[in-house]
Amino acid sequence: MPLPPHADETGNLQAEVQQLRRDFESFKHSHEKRLADLTAELDEEKKIRLTLQVEMERLKKRLAE
């Protein structure tokens, strides 16, 4: 029994939807990883800034003496 003419098109659309879902999940995963990397980088920069700030305060106190 032959398939209806639109059955092939439906199969193609389903395959396309599945590919789009895979692409979306891949994009989502890479986006989440990049966001985590940026957050870690920001935290590291904050630590560096705080360390420098403490050092600056120490130097200011020494100069004031």
N, C-alpha and C. Protein backbone atom coordinates (compact mmCIF):
# COMPACT_ATOMS: atom_id res chain seq x y z
N MET A 1 0.85 -1.17 0.00
CA MET A 1 0.00 0.00 0.00
C MET A 1 0.90 1.25 0.00
N PRO A 2 0.77 2.13 -0.94
CA PRO A 2 1.62 3.33 -1.01
C PRO A 2 1.26 4.32 0.09
N LEU A 3 2.27 5.06 0.51
CA LEU A 3 2.06 6.08 1.53
C LEU A 3 1.36 7.29 0.93
N PRO A 4 0.58 8.00 1.74
CA PRO A 4 -0.04 9.23 1.24
C PRO A 4 1.05 10.23 0.87
N PRO A 5 0.77 11.12 -0.06
CA PRO A 5 1.79 12.07 -0.53
C PRO A 5 2.38 12.93 0.59
N HIS A 6 1.60 13.27 1.58
CA HIS A 6 2.11 14.13 2.64
C HIS A 6 2.87 13.36 3.72
N ALA A 7 2.85 12.04 3.70
CA ALA A 7 3.53 11.23 4.71
C ALA A 7 5.04 11.44 4.65
N ASP A 8 5.58 11.52 3.45
CA ASP A 8 7.02 11.75 3.29
C ASP A 8 7.40 13.12 3.84
N GLU A 9 6.58 14.10 3.56
CA GLU A 9 6.83 15.45 4.05
C GLU A 9 6.77 15.49 5.57
N THR A 10 5.82 14.78 6.15
CA THR A 10 5.69 14.71 7.60
C THR A 10 6.94 14.08 8.21
N GLY A 11 7.44 13.02 7.59
CA GLY A 11 8.66 12.38 8.07
C GLY A 11 9.84 13.32 8.01
N ASN A 12 9.93 14.09 6.95
CA ASN A 12 11.02 15.07 6.82
C ASN A 12 10.92 16.15 7.89
N LEU A 13 9.70 16.61 8.14
CA LEU A 13 9.50 17.63 9.17
C LEU A 13 9.84 17.10 10.55
N GLN A 14 9.48 15.85 10.83
CA GLN A 14 9.81 15.25 12.12
C GLN A 14 11.32 15.14 12.29
N ALA A 15 12.00 14.74 11.22
CA ALA A 15 13.46 14.64 11.29
C ALA A 15 14.08 16.02 11.50
N GLU A 16 13.52 17.02 10.84
CA GLU A 16 14.03 18.39 11.00
C GLU A 16 13.81 18.89 12.43
N VAL A 17 12.64 18.60 12.98
CA VAL A 17 12.35 19.00 14.36
C VAL A 17 13.32 18.31 15.32
N GLN A 18 13.59 17.04 15.11
CA GLN A 18 14.54 16.32 15.96
C GLN A 18 15.94 16.94 15.86
N GLN A 19 16.35 17.29 14.64
CA GLN A 19 17.66 17.92 14.46
C GLN A 19 17.71 19.29 15.15
N LEU A 20 16.63 20.03 15.03
CA LEU A 20 16.57 21.34 15.70
C LEU A 20 16.64 21.18 17.21
N ARG A 21 16.00 20.18 17.73
CA ARG A 21 16.07 19.93 19.18
C ARG A 21 17.49 19.58 19.60
N ARG A 22 18.17 18.74 18.82
CA ARG A 22 19.56 18.40 19.13
C ARG A 22 20.45 19.65 19.06
N ASP A 23 20.24 20.45 18.02
CA ASP A 23 21.01 21.68 17.88
C ASP A 23 20.76 22.62 19.06
N PHE A 24 19.50 22.73 19.45
CA PHE A 24 19.15 23.60 20.57
C PHE A 24 19.81 23.11 21.86
N GLU A 25 19.75 21.81 22.12
CA GLU A 25 20.38 21.26 23.32
C GLU A 25 21.88 21.49 23.31
N SER A 26 22.49 21.34 22.16
CA SER A 26 23.93 21.59 22.04
C SER A 26 24.24 23.06 22.33
N PHE A 27 23.46 23.95 21.75
CA PHE A 27 23.63 25.38 21.98
C PHE A 27 23.43 25.70 23.46
N LYS A 28 22.40 25.12 24.05
CA LYS A 28 22.09 25.36 25.45
C LYS A 28 23.25 24.90 26.34
N HIS A 29 23.78 23.73 26.05
CA HIS A 29 24.89 23.19 26.82
C HIS A 29 26.12 24.10 26.71
N SER A 30 26.46 24.51 25.49
CA SER A 30 27.63 25.37 25.32
C SER A 30 27.42 26.74 25.97
N HIS A 31 26.20 27.24 25.91
CA HIS A 31 25.87 28.52 26.55
C HIS A 31 26.03 28.41 28.07
N GLU A 32 25.53 27.33 28.65
CA GLU A 32 25.63 27.14 30.09
C GLU A 32 27.09 27.01 30.52
N LYS A 33 27.88 26.30 29.72
CA LYS A 33 29.30 26.16 30.04
C LYS A 33 30.00 27.51 29.95
N ARG A 34 29.72 28.27 28.92
CA ARG A 34 30.34 29.59 28.77
C ARG A 34 29.94 30.51 29.92
N LEU A 35 28.69 30.45 30.32
CA LEU A 35 28.22 31.26 31.44
C LEU A 35 28.94 30.86 32.73
N ALA A 36 29.10 29.56 32.96
CA ALA A 36 29.82 29.09 34.14
C ALA A 36 31.28 29.55 34.10
N ASP A 37 31.90 29.48 32.92
CA ASP A 37 33.28 29.94 32.77
C ASP A 37 33.40 31.44 33.07
N LEU A 38 32.48 32.21 32.54
CA LEU A 38 32.51 33.66 32.79
C LEU A 38 32.27 34.00 34.26
N THR A 39 31.40 33.25 34.90
CA THR A 39 31.13 33.46 36.31
C THR A 39 32.38 33.16 37.14
N ALA A 40 33.07 32.07 36.80
CA ALA A 40 34.30 31.72 37.51
C ALA A 40 35.36 32.79 37.27
N GLU A 41 35.46 33.27 36.04
CA GLU A 41 36.42 34.32 35.72
C GLU A 41 36.11 35.60 36.49
N LEU A 42 34.84 35.94 36.58
CA LEU A 42 34.44 37.13 37.33
C LEU A 42 34.77 36.99 38.81
N ASP A 43 34.52 35.81 39.36
CA ASP A 43 34.86 35.57 40.77
C ASP A 43 36.36 35.73 41.00
N GLU A 44 37.16 35.22 40.09
CA GLU A 44 38.62 35.35 40.20
C GLU A 44 39.04 36.82 40.14
N GLU A 45 38.42 37.57 39.25
CA GLU A 45 38.74 39.01 39.15
C GLU A 45 38.35 39.75 40.42
N LYS A 46 37.23 39.35 41.02
CA LYS A 46 36.80 39.96 42.28
C LYS A 46 37.83 39.70 43.38
N LYS A 47 38.33 38.46 43.45
CA LYS A 47 39.35 38.13 44.45
C LYS A 47 40.60 38.98 44.25
N ILE A 48 41.02 39.11 43.01
CA ILE A 48 42.20 39.91 42.70
C ILE A 48 41.98 41.36 43.11
N ARG A 49 40.82 41.89 42.78
CA ARG A 49 40.51 43.29 43.14
C ARG A 49 40.51 43.48 44.64
N LEU A 50 39.91 42.56 45.37
CA LEU A 50 39.88 42.68 46.83
C LEU A 50 41.29 42.59 47.42
N THR A 51 42.11 41.70 46.89
CA THR A 51 43.49 41.60 47.36
C THR A 51 44.23 42.90 47.12
N LEU A 52 44.06 43.46 45.95
CA LEU A 52 44.71 44.74 45.65
C LEU A 52 44.19 45.86 46.54
N GLN A 53 42.92 45.83 46.81
CA GLN A 53 42.31 46.86 47.66
C GLN A 53 42.90 46.79 49.07
N VAL A 54 43.04 45.58 49.61
CA VAL A 54 43.62 45.41 50.93
C VAL A 54 45.07 45.89 50.92
N GLU A 55 45.80 45.52 49.91
CA GLU A 55 47.20 45.95 49.80
C GLU A 55 47.30 47.48 49.72
N MET A 56 46.41 48.11 48.98
CA MET A 56 46.41 49.57 48.88
C MET A 56 46.14 50.20 50.24
N GLU A 57 45.22 49.64 51.00
CA GLU A 57 44.93 50.16 52.34
C GLU A 57 46.15 50.04 53.24
N ARG A 58 46.83 48.91 53.16
CA ARG A 58 48.05 48.73 53.95
C ARG A 58 49.10 49.78 53.59
N LEU A 59 49.29 50.00 52.29
CA LEU A 59 50.27 50.99 51.84
C LEU A 59 49.90 52.40 52.29
N LYS A 60 48.61 52.71 52.22
CA LYS A 60 48.15 54.04 52.67
C LYS A 60 48.45 54.25 54.15
N LYS A 61 48.21 53.20 54.95
CA LYS A 61 48.48 53.30 56.39
C LYS A 61 49.97 53.48 56.65
N ARG A 62 50.79 52.78 55.91
CA ARG A 62 52.25 52.91 56.08
C ARG A 62 52.72 54.30 55.69
N LEU A 63 52.16 54.84 54.65
CA LEU A 63 52.55 56.19 54.21
C LEU A 63 52.08 57.26 55.19
N ALA A 64 50.98 57.00 55.85
CA ALA A 64 50.42 57.96 56.79
C ALA A 64 51.21 57.99 58.09
N GLU A 65 51.96 56.96 58.39
CA GLU A 65 52.72 56.91 59.64
C GLU A 65 53.87 57.85 59.67
